[in-house]
Amino acid sequence: MSVGKFLAGFAIGAAIGAVTGILLAPQSGEETREKLGKMATDLADKTDATVQDIKRKADNLISDAQEKSEQIMGKIQDMLNKDKPEEA
């Protein structure tokens, strides 16, 4: 199981559990709506932060891969140029 799927399942399960707990708690409808609104806002903020973090990590991985491929291509080009007979 991938980490992303695990985290998504965990977040969904936590949200469902929290909403269920709030709906079953003995409080007024207005208080319940306020809590649900705050939870939705918090969840959206956390989701946005997680997406930004994943995007940043992916960008770093892509950048690293590009740098390494450029280094490898440079080494291959150097090797090819070394083996080429010089023209007079």
PDB file of N, CA and C in Angstrom:
ATOM      1  N   MET A   1       0.851  -1.176   0.000  1.00  0.00           N
ATOM      2  CA  MET A   1       0.000   0.000   0.000  1.00  0.00           C
ATOM      3  C   MET A   1       0.891   1.232   0.000  1.00  0.00           C
ATOM      4  N   SER A   2       0.580   2.194  -0.844  1.00  0.00           N
ATOM      5  CA  SER A   2       1.391   3.404  -0.918  1.00  0.00           C
ATOM      6  C   SER A   2       1.079   4.321   0.269  1.00  0.00           C
ATOM      7  N   VAL A   3       2.042   5.140   0.586  1.00  0.00           N
ATOM      8  CA  VAL A   3       1.892   6.073   1.704  1.00  0.00           C
ATOM      9  C   VAL A   3       0.759   7.051   1.418  1.00  0.00           C
ATOM     10  N   GLY A   4       0.653   7.497   0.171  1.00  0.00           N
ATOM     11  CA  GLY A   4      -0.404   8.445  -0.189  1.00  0.00           C
ATOM     12  C   GLY A   4      -1.789   7.887   0.039  1.00  0.00           C
ATOM     13  N   LYS A   5      -1.987   6.622  -0.351  1.00  0.00           N
ATOM     14  CA  LYS A   5      -3.293   5.999  -0.149  1.00  0.00           C
ATOM     15  C   LYS A   5      -3.586   5.820   1.332  1.00  0.00           C
ATOM     16  N   PHE A   6      -2.560   5.454   2.085  1.00  0.00           N
ATOM     17  CA  PHE A   6      -2.741   5.285   3.528  1.00  0.00           C
ATOM     18  C   PHE A   6      -3.146   6.608   4.173  1.00  0.00           C
ATOM     19  N   LEU A   7      -2.417   7.674   3.824  1.00  0.00           N
ATOM     20  CA  LEU A   7      -2.725   8.986   4.415  1.00  0.00           C
ATOM     21  C   LEU A   7      -4.112   9.465   4.012  1.00  0.00           C
ATOM     22  N   ALA A   8      -4.489   9.227   2.759  1.00  0.00           N
ATOM     23  CA  ALA A   8      -5.829   9.629   2.309  1.00  0.00           C
ATOM     24  C   ALA A   8      -6.893   8.864   3.088  1.00  0.00           C
ATOM     25  N   GLY A   9      -6.707   7.563   3.250  1.00  0.00           N
ATOM     26  CA  GLY A   9      -7.662   6.760   4.012  1.00  0.00           C
ATOM     27  C   GLY A   9      -7.730   7.185   5.463  1.00  0.00           C
ATOM     28  N   PHE A  10      -6.576   7.484   6.036  1.00  0.00           N
ATOM     29  CA  PHE A  10      -6.525   7.927   7.424  1.00  0.00           C
ATOM     30  C   PHE A  10      -7.274   9.248   7.592  1.00  0.00           C
ATOM     31  N   ALA A  11      -7.041  10.193   6.680  1.00  0.00           N
ATOM     32  CA  ALA A  11      -7.696  11.502   6.763  1.00  0.00           C
ATOM     33  C   ALA A  11      -9.206  11.370   6.603  1.00  0.00           C
ATOM     34  N   ILE A  12      -9.638  10.546   5.669  1.00  0.00           N
ATOM     35  CA  ILE A  12     -11.074  10.347   5.451  1.00  0.00           C
ATOM     36  C   ILE A  12     -11.708   9.691   6.681  1.00  0.00           C
ATOM     37  N   GLY A  13     -11.045   8.686   7.219  1.00  0.00           N
ATOM     38  CA  GLY A  13     -11.564   8.020   8.417  1.00  0.00           C
ATOM     39  C   GLY A  13     -11.643   8.952   9.603  1.00  0.00           C
ATOM     40  N   ALA A  14     -10.620   9.784   9.777  1.00  0.00           N
ATOM     41  CA  ALA A  14     -10.623  10.746  10.888  1.00  0.00           C
ATOM     42  C   ALA A  14     -11.754  11.752  10.717  1.00  0.00           C
ATOM     43  N   ALA A  15     -11.949  12.214   9.496  1.00  0.00           N
ATOM     44  CA  ALA A  15     -13.022  13.193   9.241  1.00  0.00           C
ATOM     45  C   ALA A  15     -14.391  12.578   9.510  1.00  0.00           C
ATOM     46  N   ILE A  16     -14.596  11.365   9.060  1.00  0.00           N
ATOM     47  CA  ILE A  16     -15.883  10.685   9.285  1.00  0.00           C
ATOM     48  C   ILE A  16     -16.116  10.480  10.781  1.00  0.00           C
ATOM     49  N   GLY A  17     -15.091  10.067  11.492  1.00  0.00           N
ATOM     50  CA  GLY A  17     -15.215   9.867  12.934  1.00  0.00           C
ATOM     51  C   GLY A  17     -15.522  11.158  13.669  1.00  0.00           C
ATOM     52  N   ALA A  18     -14.852  12.230  13.279  1.00  0.00           N
ATOM     53  CA  ALA A  18     -15.077  13.518  13.935  1.00  0.00           C
ATOM     54  C   ALA A  18     -16.493  14.033  13.660  1.00  0.00           C
ATOM     55  N   VAL A  19     -16.941  13.940  12.426  1.00  0.00           N
ATOM     56  CA  VAL A  19     -18.290  14.405  12.082  1.00  0.00           C
ATOM     57  C   VAL A  19     -19.330  13.575  12.829  1.00  0.00           C
ATOM     58  N   THR A  20     -19.137  12.278  12.884  1.00  0.00           N
ATOM     59  CA  THR A  20     -20.072  11.411  13.604  1.00  0.00           C
ATOM     60  C   THR A  20     -20.123  11.790  15.077  1.00  0.00           C
ATOM     61  N   GLY A  21     -18.971  12.028  15.674  1.00  0.00           N
ATOM     62  CA  GLY A  21     -18.927  12.425  17.077  1.00  0.00           C
ATOM     63  C   GLY A  21     -19.647  13.728  17.337  1.00  0.00           C
ATOM     64  N   ILE A  22     -19.468  14.678  16.448  1.00  0.00           N
ATOM     65  CA  ILE A  22     -20.135  15.977  16.620  1.00  0.00           C
ATOM     66  C   ILE A  22     -21.646  15.838  16.458  1.00  0.00           C
ATOM     67  N   LEU A  23     -22.057  15.072  15.458  1.00  0.00           N
ATOM     68  CA  LEU A  23     -23.496  14.928  15.215  1.00  0.00           C
ATOM     69  C   LEU A  23     -24.204  14.194  16.345  1.00  0.00           C
ATOM     70  N   LEU A  24     -23.506  13.315  17.033  1.00  0.00           N
ATOM     71  CA  LEU A  24     -24.115  12.552  18.112  1.00  0.00           C
ATOM     72  C   LEU A  24     -23.979  13.230  19.473  1.00  0.00           C
ATOM     73  N   ALA A  25     -23.213  14.297  19.548  1.00  0.00           N
ATOM     74  CA  ALA A  25     -23.012  14.997  20.824  1.00  0.00           C
ATOM     75  C   ALA A  25     -24.260  15.812  21.171  1.00  0.00           C
ATOM     76  N   PRO A  26     -24.579  15.899  22.479  1.00  0.00           N
ATOM     77  CA  PRO A  26     -25.764  16.660  22.896  1.00  0.00           C
ATOM     78  C   PRO A  26     -25.486  18.161  22.941  1.00  0.00           C
ATOM     79  N   GLN A  27     -25.723  18.839  21.822  1.00  0.00           N
ATOM     80  CA  GLN A  27     -25.542  20.288  21.766  1.00  0.00           C
ATOM     81  C   GLN A  27     -26.534  20.860  20.765  1.00  0.00           C
ATOM     82  N   SER A  28     -26.623  22.172  20.728  1.00  0.00           N
ATOM     83  CA  SER A  28     -27.602  22.804  19.838  1.00  0.00           C
ATOM     84  C   SER A  28     -27.167  22.686  18.381  1.00  0.00           C
ATOM     85  N   GLY A  29     -28.113  22.885  17.492  1.00  0.00           N
ATOM     86  CA  GLY A  29     -27.823  22.824  16.068  1.00  0.00           C
ATOM     87  C   GLY A  29     -26.835  23.890  15.631  1.00  0.00           C
ATOM     88  N   GLU A  30     -26.943  25.068  16.239  1.00  0.00           N
ATOM     89  CA  GLU A  30     -26.033  26.155  15.887  1.00  0.00           C
ATOM     90  C   GLU A  30     -24.600  25.806  16.280  1.00  0.00           C
ATOM     91  N   GLU A  31     -24.419  25.259  17.476  1.00  0.00           N
ATOM     92  CA  GLU A  31     -23.083  24.858  17.926  1.00  0.00           C
ATOM     93  C   GLU A  31     -22.528  23.767  17.016  1.00  0.00           C
ATOM     94  N   THR A  32     -23.388  22.830  16.634  1.00  0.00           N
ATOM     95  CA  THR A  32     -22.960  21.741  15.764  1.00  0.00           C
ATOM     96  C   THR A  32     -22.513  22.290  14.412  1.00  0.00           C
ATOM     97  N   ARG A  33     -23.274  23.210  13.840  1.00  0.00           N
ATOM     98  CA  ARG A  33     -22.918  23.802  12.552  1.00  0.00           C
ATOM     99  C   ARG A  33     -21.597  24.570  12.647  1.00  0.00           C
ATOM    100  N   GLU A  34     -21.393  25.281  13.760  1.00  0.00           N
ATOM    101  CA  GLU A  34     -20.139  26.017  13.952  1.00  0.00           C
ATOM    102  C   GLU A  34     -18.958  25.053  14.000  1.00  0.00           C
ATOM    103  N   LYS A  35     -19.110  23.974  14.751  1.00  0.00           N
ATOM    104  CA  LYS A  35     -18.023  22.991  14.859  1.00  0.00           C
ATOM    105  C   LYS A  35     -17.739  22.330  13.507  1.00  0.00           C
ATOM    106  N   LEU A  36     -18.809  21.983  12.791  1.00  0.00           N
ATOM    107  CA  LEU A  36     -18.619  21.364  11.476  1.00  0.00           C
ATOM    108  C   LEU A  36     -17.940  22.338  10.506  1.00  0.00           C
ATOM    109  N   GLY A  37     -18.319  23.597  10.560  1.00  0.00           N
ATOM    110  CA  GLY A  37     -17.690  24.600   9.705  1.00  0.00           C
ATOM    111  C   GLY A  37     -16.216  24.764  10.015  1.00  0.00           C
ATOM    112  N   LYS A  38     -15.894  24.801  11.302  1.00  0.00           N
ATOM    113  CA  LYS A  38     -14.493  24.923  11.710  1.00  0.00           C
ATOM    114  C   LYS A  38     -13.709  23.694  11.295  1.00  0.00           C
ATOM    115  N   MET A  39     -14.308  22.514  11.467  1.00  0.00           N
ATOM    116  CA  MET A  39     -13.624  21.284  11.056  1.00  0.00           C
ATOM    117  C   MET A  39     -13.375  21.262   9.555  1.00  0.00           C
ATOM    118  N   ALA A  40     -14.351  21.710   8.780  1.00  0.00           N
ATOM    119  CA  ALA A  40     -14.196  21.738   7.327  1.00  0.00           C
ATOM    120  C   ALA A  40     -13.072  22.691   6.926  1.00  0.00           C
ATOM    121  N   THR A  41     -13.015  23.836   7.578  1.00  0.00           N
ATOM    122  CA  THR A  41     -11.956  24.802   7.288  1.00  0.00           C
ATOM    123  C   THR A  41     -10.597  24.238   7.658  1.00  0.00           C
ATOM    124  N   ASP A  42     -10.507  23.632   8.840  1.00  0.00           N
ATOM    125  CA  ASP A  42      -9.240  23.028   9.276  1.00  0.00           C
ATOM    126  C   ASP A  42      -8.800  21.925   8.325  1.00  0.00           C
ATOM    127  N   LEU A  43      -9.746  21.083   7.916  1.00  0.00           N
ATOM    128  CA  LEU A  43      -9.413  19.991   7.007  1.00  0.00           C
ATOM    129  C   LEU A  43      -8.939  20.533   5.666  1.00  0.00           C
ATOM    130  N   ALA A  44      -9.588  21.574   5.163  1.00  0.00           N
ATOM    131  CA  ALA A  44      -9.174  22.181   3.897  1.00  0.00           C
ATOM    132  C   ALA A  44      -7.762  22.763   4.022  1.00  0.00           C
ATOM    133  N   ASP A  45      -7.475  23.417   5.142  1.00  0.00           N
ATOM    134  CA  ASP A  45      -6.141  23.991   5.359  1.00  0.00           C
ATOM    135  C   ASP A  45      -5.082  22.900   5.413  1.00  0.00           C
ATOM    136  N   LYS A  46      -5.376  21.830   6.152  1.00  0.00           N
ATOM    137  CA  LYS A  46      -4.415  20.727   6.266  1.00  0.00           C
ATOM    138  C   LYS A  46      -4.207  20.040   4.920  1.00  0.00           C
ATOM    139  N   THR A  47      -5.282  19.874   4.178  1.00  0.00           N
ATOM    140  CA  THR A  47      -5.176  19.248   2.864  1.00  0.00           C
ATOM    141  C   THR A  47      -4.329  20.108   1.937  1.00  0.00           C
ATOM    142  N   ASP A  48      -4.556  21.411   1.954  1.00  0.00           N
ATOM    143  CA  ASP A  48      -3.774  22.319   1.118  1.00  0.00           C
ATOM    144  C   ASP A  48      -2.301  22.264   1.493  1.00  0.00           C
ATOM    145  N   ALA A  49      -2.009  22.254   2.791  1.00  0.00           N
ATOM    146  CA  ALA A  49      -0.615  22.191   3.248  1.00  0.00           C
ATOM    147  C   ALA A  49       0.037  20.882   2.803  1.00  0.00           C
ATOM    148  N   THR A  50      -0.705  19.784   2.901  1.00  0.00           N
ATOM    149  CA  THR A  50      -0.169  18.488   2.497  1.00  0.00           C
ATOM    150  C   THR A  50       0.093  18.456   0.998  1.00  0.00           C
ATOM    151  N   VAL A  51      -0.842  18.972   0.214  1.00  0.00           N
ATOM    152  CA  VAL A  51      -0.671  19.007  -1.248  1.00  0.00           C
ATOM    153  C   VAL A  51       0.549  19.856  -1.604  1.00  0.00           C
ATOM    154  N   GLN A  52       0.706  21.000  -0.964  1.00  0.00           N
ATOM    155  CA  GLN A  52       1.860  21.869  -1.245  1.00  0.00           C
ATOM    156  C   GLN A  52       3.166  21.166  -0.878  1.00  0.00           C
ATOM    157  N   ASP A  53       3.174  20.442   0.234  1.00  0.00           N
ATOM    158  CA  ASP A  53       4.371  19.719   0.657  1.00  0.00           C
ATOM    159  C   ASP A  53       4.713  18.617  -0.348  1.00  0.00           C
ATOM    160  N   ILE A  54       3.709  17.878  -0.789  1.00  0.00           N
ATOM    161  CA  ILE A  54       3.936  16.812  -1.771  1.00  0.00           C
ATOM    162  C   ILE A  54       4.434  17.414  -3.084  1.00  0.00           C
ATOM    163  N   LYS A  55       3.853  18.534  -3.490  1.00  0.00           N
ATOM    164  CA  LYS A  55       4.277  19.196  -4.729  1.00  0.00           C
ATOM    165  C   LYS A  55       5.726  19.645  -4.626  1.00  0.00           C
ATOM    166  N   ARG A  56       6.089  20.231  -3.485  1.00  0.00           N
ATOM    167  CA  ARG A  56       7.465  20.697  -3.284  1.00  0.00           C
ATOM    168  C   ARG A  56       8.440  19.528  -3.353  1.00  0.00           C
ATOM    169  N   LYS A  57       8.088  18.419  -2.704  1.00  0.00           N
ATOM    170  CA  LYS A  57       8.960  17.240  -2.725  1.00  0.00           C
ATOM    171  C   LYS A  57       9.078  16.673  -4.136  1.00  0.00           C
ATOM    172  N   ALA A  58       7.983  16.633  -4.865  1.00  0.00           N
ATOM    173  CA  ALA A  58       8.019  16.132  -6.241  1.00  0.00           C
ATOM    174  C   ALA A  58       8.885  17.037  -7.117  1.00  0.00           C
ATOM    175  N   ASP A  59       8.752  18.343  -6.948  1.00  0.00           N
ATOM    176  CA  ASP A  59       9.583  19.280  -7.712  1.00  0.00           C
ATOM    177  C   ASP A  59      11.062  19.069  -7.416  1.00  0.00           C
ATOM    178  N   ASN A  60      11.391  18.843  -6.134  1.00  0.00           N
ATOM    179  CA  ASN A  60      12.783  18.593  -5.757  1.00  0.00           C
ATOM    180  C   ASN A  60      13.299  17.301  -6.390  1.00  0.00           C
ATOM    181  N   LEU A  61      12.479  16.260  -6.378  1.00  0.00           N
ATOM    182  CA  LEU A  61      12.888  14.990  -6.982  1.00  0.00           C
ATOM    183  C   LEU A  61      13.119  15.148  -8.479  1.00  0.00           C
ATOM    184  N   ILE A  62      12.233  15.863  -9.141  1.00  0.00           N
ATOM    185  CA  ILE A  62      12.374  16.080 -10.587  1.00  0.00           C
ATOM    186  C   ILE A  62      13.641  16.882 -10.881  1.00  0.00           C
ATOM    187  N   SER A  63      13.880  17.910 -10.092  1.00  0.00           N
ATOM    188  CA  SER A  63      15.075  18.730 -10.277  1.00  0.00           C
ATOM    189  C   SER A  63      16.337  17.897 -10.084  1.00  0.00           C
ATOM    190  N   ASP A  64      16.365  17.075  -9.041  1.00  0.00           N
ATOM    191  CA  ASP A  64      17.515  16.209  -8.789  1.00  0.00           C
ATOM    192  C   ASP A  64      17.721  15.222  -9.937  1.00  0.00           C
ATOM    193  N   ALA A  65      16.640  14.652 -10.433  1.00  0.00           N
ATOM    194  CA  ALA A  65      16.740  13.693 -11.534  1.00  0.00           C
ATOM    195  C   ALA A  65      17.273  14.374 -12.795  1.00  0.00           C
ATOM    196  N   GLN A  66      16.826  15.604 -13.061  1.00  0.00           N
ATOM    197  CA  GLN A  66      17.318  16.335 -14.228  1.00  0.00           C
ATOM    198  C   GLN A  66      18.812  16.624 -14.104  1.00  0.00           C
ATOM    199  N   GLU A  67      19.247  17.039 -12.918  1.00  0.00           N
ATOM    200  CA  GLU A  67      20.666  17.320 -12.705  1.00  0.00           C
ATOM    201  C   GLU A  67      21.501  16.076 -12.919  1.00  0.00           C
ATOM    202  N   LYS A  68      21.057  14.959 -12.359  1.00  0.00           N
ATOM    203  CA  LYS A  68      21.807  13.714 -12.495  1.00  0.00           C
ATOM    204  C   LYS A  68      21.841  13.249 -13.949  1.00  0.00           C
ATOM    205  N   SER A  69      20.725  13.393 -14.661  1.00  0.00           N
ATOM    206  CA  SER A  69      20.722  12.970 -16.064  1.00  0.00           C
ATOM    207  C   SER A  69      21.645  13.854 -16.895  1.00  0.00           C
ATOM    208  N   GLU A  70      21.708  15.147 -16.592  1.00  0.00           N
ATOM    209  CA  GLU A  70      22.630  16.029 -17.300  1.00  0.00           C
ATOM    210  C   GLU A  70      24.080  15.648 -17.020  1.00  0.00           C
ATOM    211  N   GLN A  71      24.381  15.286 -15.771  1.00  0.00           N
ATOM    212  CA  GLN A  71      25.731  14.845 -15.430  1.00  0.00           C
ATOM    213  C   GLN A  71      26.092  13.573 -16.186  1.00  0.00           C
ATOM    214  N   ILE A  72      25.178  12.629 -16.227  1.00  0.00           N
ATOM    215  CA  ILE A  72      25.422  11.365 -16.922  1.00  0.00           C
ATOM    216  C   ILE A  72      25.613  11.610 -18.416  1.00  0.00           C
ATOM    217  N   MET A  73      24.770  12.456 -18.998  1.00  0.00           N
ATOM    218  CA  MET A  73      24.900  12.759 -20.422  1.00  0.00           C
ATOM    219  C   MET A  73      26.245  13.430 -20.713  1.00  0.00           C
ATOM    220  N   GLY A  74      26.687  14.295 -19.818  1.00  0.00           N
ATOM    221  CA  GLY A  74      27.994  14.936 -19.986  1.00  0.00           C
ATOM    222  C   GLY A  74      29.117  13.918 -19.938  1.00  0.00           C
ATOM    223  N   LYS A  75      29.051  12.980 -19.021  1.00  0.00           N
ATOM    224  CA  LYS A  75      30.082  11.943 -18.920  1.00  0.00           C
ATOM    225  C   LYS A  75      30.083  11.048 -20.158  1.00  0.00           C
ATOM    226  N   ILE A  76      28.893  10.708 -20.632  1.00  0.00           N
ATOM    227  CA  ILE A  76      28.797   9.882 -21.838  1.00  0.00           C
ATOM    228  C   ILE A  76      29.390  10.636 -23.029  1.00  0.00           C
ATOM    229  N   GLN A  77      29.075  11.910 -23.147  1.00  0.00           N
ATOM    230  CA  GLN A  77      29.610  12.717 -24.247  1.00  0.00           C
ATOM    231  C   GLN A  77      31.124  12.797 -24.163  1.00  0.00           C
ATOM    232  N   ASP A  78      31.671  12.978 -22.960  1.00  0.00           N
ATOM    233  CA  ASP A  78      33.123  13.012 -22.778  1.00  0.00           C
ATOM    234  C   ASP A  78      33.748  11.694 -23.208  1.00  0.00           C
ATOM    235  N   MET A  79      33.131  10.589 -22.819  1.00  0.00           N
ATOM    236  CA  MET A  79      33.660   9.262 -23.186  1.00  0.00           C
ATOM    237  C   MET A  79      33.622   9.071 -24.697  1.00  0.00           C
ATOM    238  N   LEU A  80      32.550   9.503 -25.342  1.00  0.00           N
ATOM    239  CA  LEU A  80      32.429   9.373 -26.793  1.00  0.00           C
ATOM    240  C   LEU A  80      33.470  10.242 -27.505  1.00  0.00           C
ATOM    241  N   ASN A  81      33.699  11.426 -26.992  1.00  0.00           N
ATOM    242  CA  ASN A  81      34.682  12.317 -27.599  1.00  0.00           C
ATOM    243  C   ASN A  81      36.103  11.792 -27.418  1.00  0.00           C
ATOM    244  N   LYS A  82      36.372  11.123 -26.317  1.00  0.00           N
ATOM    245  CA  LYS A  82      37.686  10.545 -26.049  1.00  0.00           C
ATOM    246  C   LYS A  82      37.995   9.418 -27.031  1.00  0.00           C
ATOM    247  N   ASP A  83      36.996   8.596 -27.295  1.00  0.00           N
ATOM    248  CA  ASP A  83      37.183   7.431 -28.154  1.00  0.00           C
ATOM    249  C   ASP A  83      37.193   7.793 -29.634  1.00  0.00           C
ATOM    250  N   LYS A  84      36.813   9.001 -29.978  1.00  0.00           N
ATOM    251  CA  LYS A  84      36.761   9.427 -31.373  1.00  0.00           C
ATOM    252  C   LYS A  84      38.191   9.703 -31.873  1.00  0.00           C
ATOM    253  N   PRO A  85      38.542   9.180 -33.029  1.00  0.00           N
ATOM    254  CA  PRO A  85      39.888   9.480 -33.565  1.00  0.00           C
ATOM    255  C   PRO A  85      39.952  10.952 -33.988  1.00  0.00           C
ATOM    256  N   GLU A  86      41.087  11.558 -33.730  1.00  0.00           N
ATOM    257  CA  GLU A  86      41.271  12.961 -34.066  1.00  0.00           C
ATOM    258  C   GLU A  86      41.499  13.093 -35.560  1.00  0.00           C
ATOM    259  N   GLU A  87      40.898  14.107 -36.149  1.00  0.00           N
ATOM    260  CA  GLU A  87      41.070  14.346 -37.585  1.00  0.00           C
ATOM    261  C   GLU A  87      42.254  15.291 -37.783  1.00  0.00           C
ATOM    262  N   ALA A  88      43.025  15.015 -38.806  1.00  0.00           N
ATOM    263  CA  ALA A  88      44.203  15.843 -39.075  1.00  0.00           C
ATOM    264  C   ALA A  88      43.964  16.871 -40.118  1.00  0.00           C
TER     265      ALA A  88
END
